């Protein structure tokens, strides 16, 4: 998955869960992001949805390509998620801040969207071994573009994520809340 799929689907799934679990179950879909924003800063949720790639892609492709050689390494592991969640819980308990929880929730959904259960040696690292399966990173940009334009498993989630984010953006623009969202994370 790529940018729009991770961010858009994570945001949409979390907003839907908040809307369904919220106090007013008859509220319109447009009210769901506001319900979620009452509990979590959506900007941190969106950042968390990209965090494993933000860490692992540069690490595996540019910083330590000879050692790692893949875009799914340490930040794509259950160990990383557990440590991140534990730190978020400590921060929440001690300072009553939810940004870490939002970051951890976004990271969890990233691992789900990447279907990491299909690569248990990454998900359960280091329990199943300490190295990661190396992939050929030569020409990765071209192969990424090829996949984006020809593989439904890539372009359909990207389209879905883009539509969700576009809907959210239009909603913010109509309510004149785009600046408030970007600066303070406010939706309504």
Protein backbone atom coordinates (compact mmCIF):
# COMPACT_ATOMS: atom_id res chain seq x y z
CA UNK A 1 0.00 0.00 0.00
CA UNK A 2 0.96 3.56 -0.59
CA UNK A 3 0.28 6.99 0.85
CA UNK A 4 -3.43 7.50 0.16
CA UNK A 5 -4.40 3.96 1.11
CA UNK A 6 -2.59 4.02 4.44
CA UNK A 7 -3.70 7.49 5.50
CA UNK A 8 -7.22 7.47 4.02
CA UNK A 9 -8.28 3.98 4.99
CA UNK A 10 -6.79 4.36 8.49
CA UNK A 11 -8.65 7.65 8.96
CA UNK A 12 -11.87 6.23 7.52
CA UNK A 13 -11.78 3.07 9.63
CA UNK A 14 -11.03 4.97 12.84
CA UNK A 15 -13.71 7.59 12.14
CA UNK A 16 -16.26 4.88 11.36
CA UNK A 17 -15.40 3.01 14.57
CA UNK A 18 -15.73 6.22 16.59
CA UNK A 19 -19.01 7.09 14.90
CA UNK A 20 -20.51 3.65 15.41
CA UNK A 21 -19.33 3.44 19.02
CA UNK A 22 -20.25 7.06 19.79
CA UNK A 23 -23.10 8.24 21.97
CA UNK A 24 -25.32 9.30 19.07
CA UNK A 25 -25.40 6.27 16.81
CA UNK A 26 -27.85 8.03 14.48
CA UNK A 27 -25.38 10.83 13.74
CA UNK A 28 -24.51 11.32 10.08
CA UNK A 29 -21.29 10.03 8.61
CA UNK A 30 -20.09 13.65 8.44
CA UNK A 31 -20.15 13.73 12.27
CA UNK A 32 -17.85 10.70 12.66
CA UNK A 33 -14.53 12.57 12.27
CA UNK A 34 -15.62 15.05 14.94
CA UNK A 35 -16.49 12.18 17.28
CA UNK A 36 -13.04 10.67 16.71
CA UNK A 37 -11.31 14.04 17.10
CA UNK A 38 -12.82 14.38 20.58
CA UNK A 39 -10.66 11.42 21.64
CA UNK A 40 -7.56 11.53 19.41
CA UNK A 41 -5.62 14.07 17.39
CA UNK A 42 -6.29 12.92 13.83
CA UNK A 43 -3.01 14.38 12.63
CA UNK A 44 -1.09 11.94 14.87
CA UNK A 45 -3.31 9.06 13.72
CA UNK A 46 -2.49 9.90 10.10
CA UNK A 47 1.23 10.21 10.90
CA UNK A 48 1.11 6.83 12.66
CA UNK A 49 -0.45 5.28 9.57
CA UNK A 50 2.77 6.12 7.73
CA UNK A 51 5.30 5.72 10.58
CA UNK A 52 6.54 2.19 9.74
CA UNK A 53 7.29 3.26 6.15
CA UNK A 54 8.80 6.59 7.25
CA UNK A 55 11.29 4.62 9.37
CA UNK A 56 11.88 1.42 7.40
CA UNK A 57 11.92 2.61 3.77
CA UNK A 58 14.87 5.02 4.16
CA UNK A 59 16.60 2.68 6.61
CA UNK A 60 16.42 -0.35 4.33
CA UNK A 61 16.90 1.38 0.99
CA UNK A 62 19.37 4.20 1.67
CA UNK A 63 20.88 4.18 5.17
CA UNK A 64 21.60 0.45 5.71
CA UNK A 65 20.84 -1.26 2.38
CA UNK A 66 23.66 -3.78 2.82
CA UNK A 67 22.39 -4.79 6.25
CA UNK A 68 18.61 -4.64 5.86
CA UNK A 69 17.84 -4.50 2.13
CA UNK A 70 14.05 -4.23 2.48
CA UNK A 71 11.43 -1.59 3.18
CA UNK A 72 9.74 -3.71 5.83
CA UNK A 73 11.98 -4.16 8.83
CA UNK A 74 12.03 -3.05 12.46
CA UNK A 75 9.10 -0.60 12.43
CA UNK A 76 6.90 -3.23 10.76
CA UNK A 77 7.27 -5.61 13.71
CA UNK A 78 4.95 -6.44 16.57
CA UNK A 79 7.83 -5.61 18.93
CA UNK A 80 7.94 -2.02 17.60
CA UNK A 81 4.16 -1.71 18.01
CA UNK A 82 4.31 -3.05 21.59
CA UNK A 83 7.11 -0.65 22.58
CA UNK A 84 5.32 2.28 20.91
CA UNK A 85 2.02 1.41 22.61
CA UNK A 86 3.69 0.99 26.01
CA UNK A 87 5.36 4.40 25.66
CA UNK A 88 2.02 5.91 24.59
CA UNK A 89 0.26 4.43 27.61
CA UNK A 90 2.94 5.79 29.96
CA UNK A 91 2.64 9.25 28.39
CA UNK A 92 -1.14 9.10 28.61
CA UNK A 93 -1.16 7.94 32.21
CA UNK A 94 1.45 10.43 33.38
CA UNK A 95 0.62 13.56 31.33
CA UNK A 96 -2.90 12.77 30.01
CA UNK A 97 -1.78 13.23 26.40
CA UNK A 98 -3.33 11.10 23.66
CA UNK A 99 -0.99 11.85 20.76
CA UNK A 100 1.04 8.69 21.44
CA UNK A 101 -2.10 6.56 21.47
CA UNK A 102 -3.11 8.05 18.13
CA UNK A 103 0.36 7.32 16.75
CA UNK A 104 0.20 3.72 18.00
CA UNK A 105 -3.32 3.22 16.60
CA UNK A 106 -2.19 4.48 13.20
CA UNK A 107 0.84 2.18 13.30
CA UNK A 108 -1.36 -0.79 14.22
CA UNK A 109 -3.63 -0.12 11.25
CA UNK A 110 -0.57 0.23 9.00
CA UNK A 111 0.52 -3.30 9.96
CA UNK A 112 -3.02 -4.58 9.31
CA UNK A 113 -3.24 -2.87 5.91
CA UNK A 114 0.18 -4.28 4.98
CA UNK A 115 -1.19 -7.74 5.88
CA UNK A 116 1.92 -8.55 7.88
CA UNK A 117 0.45 -11.84 9.07
CA UNK A 118 1.50 -13.09 5.61
CA UNK A 119 5.16 -12.45 6.52
CA UNK A 120 5.46 -13.76 10.09
CA UNK A 121 9.26 -13.49 10.01
CA UNK A 122 8.84 -9.70 9.86
CA UNK A 123 5.82 -9.40 12.16
CA UNK A 124 7.30 -11.59 14.89
CA UNK A 125 10.91 -10.41 14.57
CA UNK A 126 13.21 -11.39 16.34
CA UNK A 127 11.35 -14.53 17.50
CA UNK A 128 11.59 -16.21 14.08
CA UNK A 129 15.09 -14.95 13.21
CA UNK A 130 17.09 -11.78 13.38
CA UNK A 131 17.48 -10.98 9.67
CA UNK A 132 14.95 -9.78 7.13
CA UNK A 133 14.39 -11.26 3.67
CA UNK A 134 16.32 -9.07 1.25
CA UNK A 135 14.64 -7.80 -1.89
CA UNK A 136 16.14 -6.32 -5.05
CA UNK A 137 15.62 -2.57 -4.72
CA UNK A 138 17.01 -1.77 -8.16
CA UNK A 139 14.38 0.06 -10.19
CA UNK A 140 11.87 0.09 -7.33
CA UNK A 141 10.33 3.41 -8.45
CA UNK A 142 9.50 2.04 -11.89
CA UNK A 143 8.08 -1.17 -10.50
CA UNK A 144 6.04 0.86 -8.01
CA UNK A 145 4.53 2.92 -10.82
CA UNK A 146 3.85 -0.26 -12.81
CA UNK A 147 2.05 -1.82 -9.82
CA UNK A 148 0.07 1.37 -9.18
CA UNK A 149 -1.25 1.38 -12.73
CA UNK A 150 -1.80 -2.35 -13.25
CA UNK A 151 -2.44 -4.18 -9.97
CA UNK A 152 -5.93 -3.85 -8.46
CA UNK A 153 -4.57 -4.79 -5.02
CA UNK A 154 -2.54 -1.57 -5.19
CA UNK A 155 -4.67 0.93 -7.09
CA UNK A 156 -8.08 0.08 -5.56
CA UNK A 157 -6.97 0.81 -1.95
CA UNK A 158 -5.22 3.96 -3.21
CA UNK A 159 -8.43 5.15 -4.86
CA UNK A 160 -10.48 4.34 -1.74
CA UNK A 161 -8.01 6.19 0.50
CA UNK A 162 -7.92 9.17 -1.87
CA UNK A 163 -11.73 9.40 -1.93
CA UNK A 164 -11.90 9.30 1.89
CA UNK A 165 -9.25 12.01 2.23
CA UNK A 166 -10.84 14.14 -0.49
CA UNK A 167 -14.21 13.88 1.27
CA UNK A 168 -12.60 14.90 4.57
CA UNK A 169 -10.77 17.78 2.90
CA UNK A 170 -13.94 19.07 1.24
CA UNK A 171 -15.78 18.78 4.55
CA UNK A 172 -13.07 20.84 6.27
CA UNK A 173 -13.11 23.44 3.50
CA UNK A 174 -16.90 23.78 3.61
CA UNK A 175 -16.81 24.23 7.37
CA UNK A 176 -13.84 26.59 7.06
CA UNK A 177 -11.87 24.35 9.41
CA UNK A 178 -8.88 23.38 7.26
CA UNK A 179 -6.47 25.78 9.00
CA UNK A 180 -7.82 24.83 12.44
CA UNK A 181 -7.29 21.16 11.58
CA UNK A 182 -3.76 21.64 10.26
CA UNK A 183 -2.65 23.88 13.13
CA UNK A 184 -4.54 22.49 16.14
CA UNK A 185 -6.15 19.24 14.96
CA UNK A 186 -9.68 20.66 15.37
CA UNK A 187 -12.42 19.28 13.16
CA UNK A 188 -15.62 20.88 14.43
